[in-house]
Amino acid sequence: MKDFTAQRAAFRTLHADGCFILPNPWDAGSARRLKKLGFKALASSSSAAAWTLGLRDHEITLEQILDHLTRLCAATDLPVNADFESGFADTPEGVAVNVTRAIKTGISGLSIEDQWNDGLYPLDFAVERLAAARRAIDASGQDVMLVARTEAYLNGIDNVDFVIERLTAFAKAGADCLFAPGMSDPDEIAATVKAVAPKPVNVLIMNADMRVANLAALGVRRVSVGGALAAAAWRGFDAAAAALAEQLV
């Protein structure tokens, strides 16, 4: 069985200072190509993984995501952070069981969302679910980083105070890193970094105006792109296939 101790130690070290890019592959081949380009760590994307199976985002099952993570971790010696959606369970107990299974795939980090159906879990319950994930990681004896995500911005809650309240609560519950995908305003990013310090913040690049150097200057520790690389690859595929289809007799 492959030992992932070195990857997990390296991943935690990357979060200690500075800013690094965490690109999101969608299969073993893209993971290996990203390593060749010099990236130091990778992150899965649940949407990108779903697309490879002909599914839409949030349609992928627990068993499918575990298989996907196993393949990514086996394909590279880089640390892999798992997009684990909302833990694929509603109850804290269910989240803990599933996190324990995810750790066995070889991941170095794992994110848990506060998303529930078309909205967010109440804060107290979201904290309970995150704390259960924390206990599962601790019980495993593996140095896997826990990333807490609030999907507030992606649910139309454009309120940085609301976001900071959630992220600070998650930090107190044991999250190692905080993440609010959809946040793009520099002042809001800076305020969030300050509120959860010294714990690191992940920012998702949402548009071409968001530059890594600028995010680093705001104190952001890691930068990811979600399903953007996979989407770009599929756009290239569609364009090439459409050009070929035009030649059909």
C-alpha atoms as a PDB file:
ATOM      1  CA  MET A   1       0.000   0.000   0.000  1.00  0.00           C
ATOM      2  CA  LYS A   2       1.349   3.408  -0.969  1.00  0.00           C
ATOM      3  CA  ASP A   3       2.519   5.626   1.907  1.00  0.00           C
ATOM      4  CA  PHE A   4       1.272   9.214   1.627  1.00  0.00           C
ATOM      5  CA  THR A   5       3.068  10.596   4.698  1.00  0.00           C
ATOM      6  CA  ALA A   6       5.552  12.642   2.662  1.00  0.00           C
ATOM      7  CA  GLN A   7       2.844  14.218   0.497  1.00  0.00           C
ATOM      8  CA  ARG A   8       0.811  15.181   3.543  1.00  0.00           C
ATOM      9  CA  ALA A   9       3.786  16.762   5.279  1.00  0.00           C
ATOM     10  CA  ALA A  10       4.713  18.674   2.125  1.00  0.00           C
ATOM     11  CA  PHE A  11       1.136  19.891   1.730  1.00  0.00           C
ATOM     12  CA  ARG A  12       0.992  21.293   5.239  1.00  0.00           C
ATOM     13  CA  THR A  13       4.346  23.018   4.714  1.00  0.00           C
ATOM     14  CA  LEU A  14       3.000  24.759   1.607  1.00  0.00           C
ATOM     15  CA  HIS A  15       0.383  26.443   3.815  1.00  0.00           C
ATOM     16  CA  ALA A  16       2.924  27.809   6.297  1.00  0.00           C
ATOM     17  CA  ASP A  17       3.756  30.989   4.380  1.00  0.00           C
ATOM     18  CA  GLY A  18       3.648  32.577   0.946  1.00  0.00           C
ATOM     19  CA  CYS A  19       1.069  31.739  -1.710  1.00  0.00           C
ATOM     20  CA  PHE A  20       0.817  28.732  -3.997  1.00  0.00           C
ATOM     21  CA  ILE A  21      -1.407  27.717  -6.902  1.00  0.00           C
ATOM     22  CA  LEU A  22      -3.538  24.616  -6.490  1.00  0.00           C
ATOM     23  CA  PRO A  23      -4.713  23.635 -10.008  1.00  0.00           C
ATOM     24  CA  ASN A  24      -7.568  21.190 -10.476  1.00  0.00           C
ATOM     25  CA  PRO A  25      -7.019  18.145 -12.717  1.00  0.00           C
ATOM     26  CA  TRP A  26      -9.903  15.950 -13.821  1.00  0.00           C
ATOM     27  CA  ASP A  27      -8.107  12.632 -14.397  1.00  0.00           C
ATOM     28  CA  ALA A  28      -4.735  10.915 -14.055  1.00  0.00           C
ATOM     29  CA  GLY A  29      -3.432  12.319 -17.340  1.00  0.00           C
ATOM     30  CA  SER A  30      -4.194  15.930 -16.477  1.00  0.00           C
ATOM     31  CA  ALA A  31      -2.697  15.402 -13.004  1.00  0.00           C
ATOM     32  CA  ARG A  32       0.572  14.227 -14.513  1.00  0.00           C
ATOM     33  CA  ARG A  33       0.660  17.101 -17.004  1.00  0.00           C
ATOM     34  CA  LEU A  34       0.212  19.600 -14.175  1.00  0.00           C
ATOM     35  CA  LYS A  35       3.137  18.076 -12.303  1.00  0.00           C
ATOM     36  CA  LYS A  36       5.333  18.471 -15.398  1.00  0.00           C
ATOM     37  CA  LEU A  37       4.485  22.175 -15.424  1.00  0.00           C
ATOM     38  CA  GLY A  38       5.962  22.526 -11.947  1.00  0.00           C
ATOM     39  CA  PHE A  39       2.929  22.762  -9.659  1.00  0.00           C
ATOM     40  CA  LYS A  40       3.585  21.587  -6.102  1.00  0.00           C
ATOM     41  CA  ALA A  41       0.114  20.294  -5.212  1.00  0.00           C
ATOM     42  CA  LEU A  42      -3.222  19.516  -6.861  1.00  0.00           C
ATOM     43  CA  ALA A  43      -6.892  19.654  -5.952  1.00  0.00           C
ATOM     44  CA  SER A  44      -9.748  17.603  -7.303  1.00  0.00           C
ATOM     45  CA  SER A  45     -12.887  19.266  -8.609  1.00  0.00           C
ATOM     46  CA  SER A  46     -16.222  17.540  -8.078  1.00  0.00           C
ATOM     47  CA  SER A  47     -17.670  19.235 -11.155  1.00  0.00           C
ATOM     48  CA  ALA A  48     -14.721  18.202 -13.333  1.00  0.00           C
ATOM     49  CA  ALA A  49     -14.916  14.654 -12.000  1.00  0.00           C
ATOM     50  CA  ALA A  50     -18.649  14.536 -12.725  1.00  0.00           C
ATOM     51  CA  TRP A  51     -18.149  15.723 -16.312  1.00  0.00           C
ATOM     52  CA  THR A  52     -15.767  12.833 -17.027  1.00  0.00           C
ATOM     53  CA  LEU A  53     -18.651  10.491 -16.168  1.00  0.00           C
ATOM     54  CA  GLY A  54     -21.204  12.341 -18.262  1.00  0.00           C
ATOM     55  CA  LEU A  55     -22.811  13.800 -15.154  1.00  0.00           C
ATOM     56  CA  ARG A  56     -23.555  17.326 -14.010  1.00  0.00           C
ATOM     57  CA  ASP A  57     -22.045  18.934 -10.933  1.00  0.00           C
ATOM     58  CA  HIS A  58     -23.430  17.472  -7.684  1.00  0.00           C
ATOM     59  CA  GLU A  59     -24.661  14.325  -9.455  1.00  0.00           C
ATOM     60  CA  ILE A  60     -21.543  12.316  -8.662  1.00  0.00           C
ATOM     61  CA  THR A  61     -21.940   9.670  -5.955  1.00  0.00           C
ATOM     62  CA  LEU A  62     -19.765   8.895  -2.953  1.00  0.00           C
ATOM     63  CA  GLU A  63     -18.441   5.690  -4.515  1.00  0.00           C
ATOM     64  CA  GLN A  64     -17.627   7.505  -7.746  1.00  0.00           C
ATOM     65  CA  ILE A  65     -15.754  10.305  -5.977  1.00  0.00           C
ATOM     66  CA  LEU A  66     -13.778   7.844  -3.863  1.00  0.00           C
ATOM     67  CA  ASP A  67     -12.745   5.993  -7.016  1.00  0.00           C
ATOM     68  CA  HIS A  68     -11.806   9.295  -8.644  1.00  0.00           C
ATOM     69  CA  LEU A  69      -9.675  10.356  -5.668  1.00  0.00           C
ATOM     70  CA  THR A  70      -7.959   6.972  -5.551  1.00  0.00           C
ATOM     71  CA  ARG A  71      -6.994   7.318  -9.201  1.00  0.00           C
ATOM     72  CA  LEU A  72      -5.676  10.865  -8.767  1.00  0.00           C
ATOM     73  CA  CYS A  73      -3.583   9.976  -5.724  1.00  0.00           C
ATOM     74  CA  ALA A  74      -2.157   6.901  -7.457  1.00  0.00           C
ATOM     75  CA  ALA A  75      -1.257   8.890 -10.580  1.00  0.00           C
ATOM     76  CA  THR A  76       1.098  11.394  -8.932  1.00  0.00           C
ATOM     77  CA  ASP A  77       3.374  11.880  -5.961  1.00  0.00           C
ATOM     78  CA  LEU A  78       2.044  15.413  -5.478  1.00  0.00           C
ATOM     79  CA  PRO A  79      -0.311  16.125  -2.563  1.00  0.00           C
ATOM     80  CA  VAL A  80      -3.973  16.029  -3.573  1.00  0.00           C
ATOM     81  CA  ASN A  81      -6.691  18.088  -1.898  1.00  0.00           C
ATOM     82  CA  ALA A  82     -10.151  16.531  -2.236  1.00  0.00           C
ATOM     83  CA  ASP A  83     -13.259  18.459  -3.198  1.00  0.00           C
ATOM     84  CA  PHE A  84     -15.545  16.361  -1.017  1.00  0.00           C
ATOM     85  CA  GLU A  85     -18.673  18.451  -1.563  1.00  0.00           C
ATOM     86  CA  SER A  86     -20.805  18.362   1.622  1.00  0.00           C
ATOM     87  CA  GLY A  87     -19.338  15.088   2.809  1.00  0.00           C
ATOM     88  CA  PHE A  88     -21.964  13.036   0.929  1.00  0.00           C
ATOM     89  CA  ALA A  89     -24.028  12.807   4.110  1.00  0.00           C
ATOM     90  CA  ASP A  90     -26.420  14.999   6.037  1.00  0.00           C
ATOM     91  CA  THR A  91     -25.658  13.948   9.608  1.00  0.00           C
ATOM     92  CA  PRO A  92     -22.370  14.607  11.394  1.00  0.00           C
ATOM     93  CA  GLU A  93     -22.015  10.861  11.932  1.00  0.00           C
ATOM     94  CA  GLY A  94     -22.383  10.188   8.229  1.00  0.00           C
ATOM     95  CA  VAL A  95     -19.849  12.866   7.369  1.00  0.00           C
ATOM     96  CA  ALA A  96     -17.347  11.288   9.767  1.00  0.00           C
ATOM     97  CA  VAL A  97     -17.758   7.843   8.202  1.00  0.00           C
ATOM     98  CA  ASN A  98     -17.277   9.195   4.691  1.00  0.00           C
ATOM     99  CA  VAL A  99     -14.283  11.339   5.622  1.00  0.00           C
ATOM    100  CA  THR A 100     -12.629   8.250   7.090  1.00  0.00           C
ATOM    101  CA  ARG A 101     -13.128   6.472   3.782  1.00  0.00           C
ATOM    102  CA  ALA A 102     -11.790   9.452   1.817  1.00  0.00           C
ATOM    103  CA  ILE A 103      -8.583   9.525   3.853  1.00  0.00           C
ATOM    104  CA  LYS A 104      -7.849   5.964   2.730  1.00  0.00           C
ATOM    105  CA  THR A 105      -7.647   7.118  -0.911  1.00  0.00           C
ATOM    106  CA  GLY A 106      -4.386   8.929  -0.138  1.00  0.00           C
ATOM    107  CA  ILE A 107      -5.554  12.544  -0.075  1.00  0.00           C
ATOM    108  CA  SER A 108      -3.558  15.222   1.752  1.00  0.00           C
ATOM    109  CA  GLY A 109      -6.474  17.607   2.284  1.00  0.00           C
ATOM    110  CA  LEU A 110     -10.252  17.530   2.185  1.00  0.00           C
ATOM    111  CA  SER A 111     -12.894  20.236   1.934  1.00  0.00           C
ATOM    112  CA  ILE A 112     -16.365  20.129   3.458  1.00  0.00           C
ATOM    113  CA  GLU A 113     -19.086  22.523   2.276  1.00  0.00           C
ATOM    114  CA  ASP A 114     -22.008  24.003   4.193  1.00  0.00           C
ATOM    115  CA  GLN A 115     -24.262  23.467   1.172  1.00  0.00           C
ATOM    116  CA  TRP A 116     -27.617  21.772   1.666  1.00  0.00           C
ATOM    117  CA  ASN A 117     -29.924  21.210  -1.307  1.00  0.00           C
ATOM    118  CA  ASP A 118     -30.602  24.733  -2.616  1.00  0.00           C
ATOM    119  CA  GLY A 119     -29.285  26.583   0.418  1.00  0.00           C
ATOM    120  CA  LEU A 120     -26.957  26.409   3.401  1.00  0.00           C
ATOM    121  CA  TYR A 121     -27.073  24.401   6.591  1.00  0.00           C
ATOM    122  CA  PRO A 122     -27.867  26.451   9.713  1.00  0.00           C
ATOM    123  CA  LEU A 123     -24.558  27.595  11.178  1.00  0.00           C
ATOM    124  CA  ASP A 124     -24.726  25.489  14.351  1.00  0.00           C
ATOM    125  CA  PHE A 125     -25.399  22.326  12.367  1.00  0.00           C
ATOM    126  CA  ALA A 126     -22.741  23.189   9.779  1.00  0.00           C
ATOM    127  CA  VAL A 127     -20.261  23.511  12.651  1.00  0.00           C
ATOM    128  CA  GLU A 128     -21.330  20.122  14.052  1.00  0.00           C
ATOM    129  CA  ARG A 129     -20.733  18.500  10.677  1.00  0.00           C
ATOM    130  CA  LEU A 130     -17.317  20.090  10.337  1.00  0.00           C
ATOM    131  CA  ALA A 131     -16.337  19.100  13.886  1.00  0.00           C
ATOM    132  CA  ALA A 132     -17.278  15.512  13.042  1.00  0.00           C
ATOM    133  CA  ALA A 133     -14.936  15.643  10.040  1.00  0.00           C
ATOM    134  CA  ARG A 134     -12.203  16.991  12.325  1.00  0.00           C
ATOM    135  CA  ARG A 135     -12.668  14.128  14.774  1.00  0.00           C
ATOM    136  CA  ALA A 136     -12.560  11.586  11.954  1.00  0.00           C
ATOM    137  CA  ILE A 137      -9.269  12.974  10.675  1.00  0.00           C
ATOM    138  CA  ASP A 138      -7.770  13.019  14.156  1.00  0.00           C
ATOM    139  CA  ALA A 139      -8.912   9.453  14.798  1.00  0.00           C
ATOM    140  CA  SER A 140      -7.265   8.288  11.576  1.00  0.00           C
ATOM    141  CA  GLY A 141      -3.838   9.391  12.782  1.00  0.00           C
ATOM    142  CA  GLN A 142      -3.161  10.864   9.343  1.00  0.00           C
ATOM    143  CA  ASP A 143      -2.033  14.460   8.820  1.00  0.00           C
ATOM    144  CA  VAL A 144      -4.831  15.377   6.417  1.00  0.00           C
ATOM    145  CA  MET A 145      -5.753  19.050   6.256  1.00  0.00           C
ATOM    146  CA  LEU A 146      -9.397  19.990   6.786  1.00  0.00           C
ATOM    147  CA  VAL A 147     -10.705  22.793   4.582  1.00  0.00           C
ATOM    148  CA  ALA A 148     -14.013  24.428   5.514  1.00  0.00           C
ATOM    149  CA  ARG A 149     -16.053  25.987   2.720  1.00  0.00           C
ATOM    150  CA  THR A 150     -19.038  28.260   2.856  1.00  0.00           C
ATOM    151  CA  GLU A 151     -21.042  28.352  -0.361  1.00  0.00           C
ATOM    152  CA  ALA A 152     -22.645  31.664   0.616  1.00  0.00           C
ATOM    153  CA  TYR A 153     -21.529  33.625  -2.451  1.00  0.00           C
ATOM    154  CA  LEU A 154     -22.510  30.776  -4.775  1.00  0.00           C
ATOM    155  CA  ASN A 155     -25.978  30.878  -3.212  1.00  0.00           C
ATOM    156  CA  GLY A 156     -26.412  34.602  -3.824  1.00  0.00           C
ATOM    157  CA  ILE A 157     -25.518  35.692  -0.263  1.00  0.00           C
ATOM    158  CA  ASP A 158     -23.192  38.566  -1.119  1.00  0.00           C
ATOM    159  CA  ASN A 159     -22.482  39.541   2.472  1.00  0.00           C
ATOM    160  CA  VAL A 160     -18.914  39.415   3.720  1.00  0.00           C
ATOM    161  CA  ASP A 161     -19.950  39.701   7.375  1.00  0.00           C
ATOM    162  CA  PHE A 162     -22.134  36.612   6.968  1.00  0.00           C
ATOM    163  CA  VAL A 163     -19.235  34.785   5.320  1.00  0.00           C
ATOM    164  CA  ILE A 164     -16.723  35.793   7.973  1.00  0.00           C
ATOM    165  CA  GLU A 165     -19.070  34.688  10.759  1.00  0.00           C
ATOM    166  CA  ARG A 166     -19.238  31.236   9.194  1.00  0.00           C
ATOM    167  CA  LEU A 167     -15.548  30.902   8.428  1.00  0.00           C
ATOM    168  CA  THR A 168     -14.440  32.014  11.892  1.00  0.00           C
ATOM    169  CA  ALA A 169     -16.854  29.494  13.434  1.00  0.00           C
ATOM    170  CA  PHE A 170     -15.428  26.792  11.198  1.00  0.00           C
ATOM    171  CA  ALA A 171     -11.893  27.778  12.160  1.00  0.00           C
ATOM    172  CA  LYS A 172     -12.781  27.393  15.845  1.00  0.00           C
ATOM    173  CA  ALA A 173     -14.312  23.990  15.094  1.00  0.00           C
ATOM    174  CA  GLY A 174     -10.981  22.720  13.770  1.00  0.00           C
ATOM    175  CA  ALA A 175     -10.664  23.727  10.128  1.00  0.00           C
ATOM    176  CA  ASP A 176      -7.055  24.102   8.975  1.00  0.00           C
ATOM    177  CA  CYS A 177      -7.902  26.285   5.969  1.00  0.00           C
ATOM    178  CA  LEU A 178     -10.896  28.462   5.045  1.00  0.00           C
ATOM    179  CA  PHE A 179     -12.560  28.946   1.672  1.00  0.00           C
ATOM    180  CA  ALA A 180     -15.496  30.989   0.330  1.00  0.00           C
ATOM    181  CA  PRO A 181     -15.707  30.293  -3.422  1.00  0.00           C
ATOM    182  CA  GLY A 182     -17.186  33.226  -5.303  1.00  0.00           C
ATOM    183  CA  MET A 183     -15.420  35.859  -3.217  1.00  0.00           C
ATOM    184  CA  SER A 184     -13.605  38.254  -5.554  1.00  0.00           C
ATOM    185  CA  ASP A 185     -13.627  41.743  -4.040  1.00  0.00           C
ATOM    186  CA  PRO A 186     -10.105  42.613  -2.790  1.00  0.00           C
ATOM    187  CA  ASP A 187     -11.365  44.388   0.333  1.00  0.00           C
ATOM    188  CA  GLU A 188     -13.548  41.426   1.259  1.00  0.00           C
ATOM    189  CA  ILE A 189     -10.696  39.010   0.669  1.00  0.00           C
ATOM    190  CA  ALA A 190      -8.364  41.073   2.840  1.00  0.00           C
ATOM    191  CA  ALA A 191     -10.982  41.284   5.601  1.00  0.00           C
ATOM    192  CA  THR A 192     -11.486  37.522   5.520  1.00  0.00           C
ATOM    193  CA  VAL A 193      -7.763  36.810   5.654  1.00  0.00           C
ATOM    194  CA  LYS A 194      -7.471  39.080   8.703  1.00  0.00           C
ATOM    195  CA  ALA A 195     -10.518  37.563  10.433  1.00  0.00           C
ATOM    196  CA  VAL A 196      -9.323  33.948  10.316  1.00  0.00           C
ATOM    197  CA  ALA A 197      -5.579  34.586  10.727  1.00  0.00           C
ATOM    198  CA  PRO A 198      -3.260  32.832  11.246  1.00  0.00           C
ATOM    199  CA  LYS A 199      -5.165  30.090   9.442  1.00  0.00           C
ATOM    200  CA  PRO A 200      -4.725  30.172   5.641  1.00  0.00           C
ATOM    201  CA  VAL A 201      -7.365  31.214   3.131  1.00  0.00           C
ATOM    202  CA  ASN A 202      -8.037  29.672  -0.286  1.00  0.00           C
ATOM    203  CA  VAL A 203      -9.440  31.861  -3.069  1.00  0.00           C
ATOM    204  CA  LEU A 204     -11.027  30.603  -6.275  1.00  0.00           C
ATOM    205  CA  ILE A 205     -10.088  32.540  -9.417  1.00  0.00           C
ATOM    206  CA  MET A 206     -13.402  33.696 -10.878  1.00  0.00           C
ATOM    207  CA  ASN A 207     -12.284  35.944 -13.743  1.00  0.00           C
ATOM    208  CA  ALA A 208      -9.243  37.170 -15.671  1.00  0.00           C
ATOM    209  CA  ASP A 209      -8.892  40.221 -13.424  1.00  0.00           C
ATOM    210  CA  MET A 210      -8.016  38.035 -10.446  1.00  0.00           C
ATOM    211  CA  ARG A 211      -4.247  37.664 -10.551  1.00  0.00           C
ATOM    212  CA  VAL A 212      -2.245  35.396  -8.275  1.00  0.00           C
ATOM    213  CA  ALA A 213       0.272  38.102  -7.371  1.00  0.00           C
ATOM    214  CA  ASN A 214      -2.512  40.443  -6.280  1.00  0.00           C
ATOM    215  CA  LEU A 215      -4.164  37.740  -4.195  1.00  0.00           C
ATOM    216  CA  ALA A 216      -0.834  36.924  -2.577  1.00  0.00           C
ATOM    217  CA  ALA A 217      -0.414  40.594  -1.663  1.00  0.00           C
ATOM    218  CA  LEU A 218      -3.766  40.394   0.155  1.00  0.00           C
ATOM    219  CA  GLY A 219      -2.458  37.532   2.277  1.00  0.00           C
ATOM    220  CA  VAL A 220      -4.102  34.646   0.409  1.00  0.00           C
ATOM    221  CA  ARG A 221      -2.141  31.415   0.893  1.00  0.00           C
ATOM    222  CA  ARG A 222      -3.515  29.273  -1.884  1.00  0.00           C
ATOM    223  CA  VAL A 223      -5.325  29.851  -5.188  1.00  0.00           C
ATOM    224  CA  SER A 224      -7.447  27.307  -7.079  1.00  0.00           C
ATOM    225  CA  VAL A 225      -9.484  27.297 -10.291  1.00  0.00           C
ATOM    226  CA  GLY A 226     -12.191  24.686  -9.667  1.00  0.00           C
ATOM    227  CA  GLY A 227     -13.565  23.196 -12.874  1.00  0.00           C
ATOM    228  CA  ALA A 228     -12.105  25.931 -15.100  1.00  0.00           C
ATOM    229  CA  LEU A 229      -9.275  23.831 -16.561  1.00  0.00           C
ATOM    230  CA  ALA A 230     -11.636  20.960 -17.300  1.00  0.00           C
ATOM    231  CA  ALA A 231     -14.142  23.370 -18.844  1.00  0.00           C
ATOM    232  CA  ALA A 232     -11.408  24.784 -21.080  1.00  0.00           C
ATOM    233  CA  ALA A 233     -10.451  21.276 -22.180  1.00  0.00           C
ATOM    234  CA  TRP A 234     -14.058  20.430 -22.990  1.00  0.00           C
ATOM    235  CA  ARG A 235     -14.447  23.648 -24.970  1.00  0.00           C
ATOM    236  CA  GLY A 236     -11.415  22.651 -27.031  1.00  0.00           C
ATOM    237  CA  PHE A 237     -12.894  19.205 -27.534  1.00  0.00           C
ATOM    238  CA  ASP A 238     -16.241  20.643 -28.637  1.00  0.00           C
ATOM    239  CA  ALA A 239     -14.589  22.985 -31.123  1.00  0.00           C
ATOM    240  CA  ALA A 240     -12.441  20.237 -32.659  1.00  0.00           C
ATOM    241  CA  ALA A 241     -15.311  17.770 -32.773  1.00  0.00           C
ATOM    242  CA  ALA A 242     -17.621  20.373 -34.348  1.00  0.00           C
ATOM    243  CA  ALA A 243     -15.046  21.057 -37.067  1.00  0.00           C
ATOM    244  CA  LEU A 244     -14.870  17.316 -37.734  1.00  0.00           C
ATOM    245  CA  ALA A 245     -18.654  16.972 -37.759  1.00  0.00           C
ATOM    246  CA  GLU A 246     -18.864  19.593 -40.489  1.00  0.00           C
ATOM    247  CA  GLN A 247     -17.106  17.123 -42.780  1.00  0.00           C
ATOM    248  CA  LEU A 248     -19.761  14.441 -42.342  1.00  0.00           C
ATOM    249  CA  VAL A 249     -21.265  13.388 -45.648  1.00  0.00           C
END
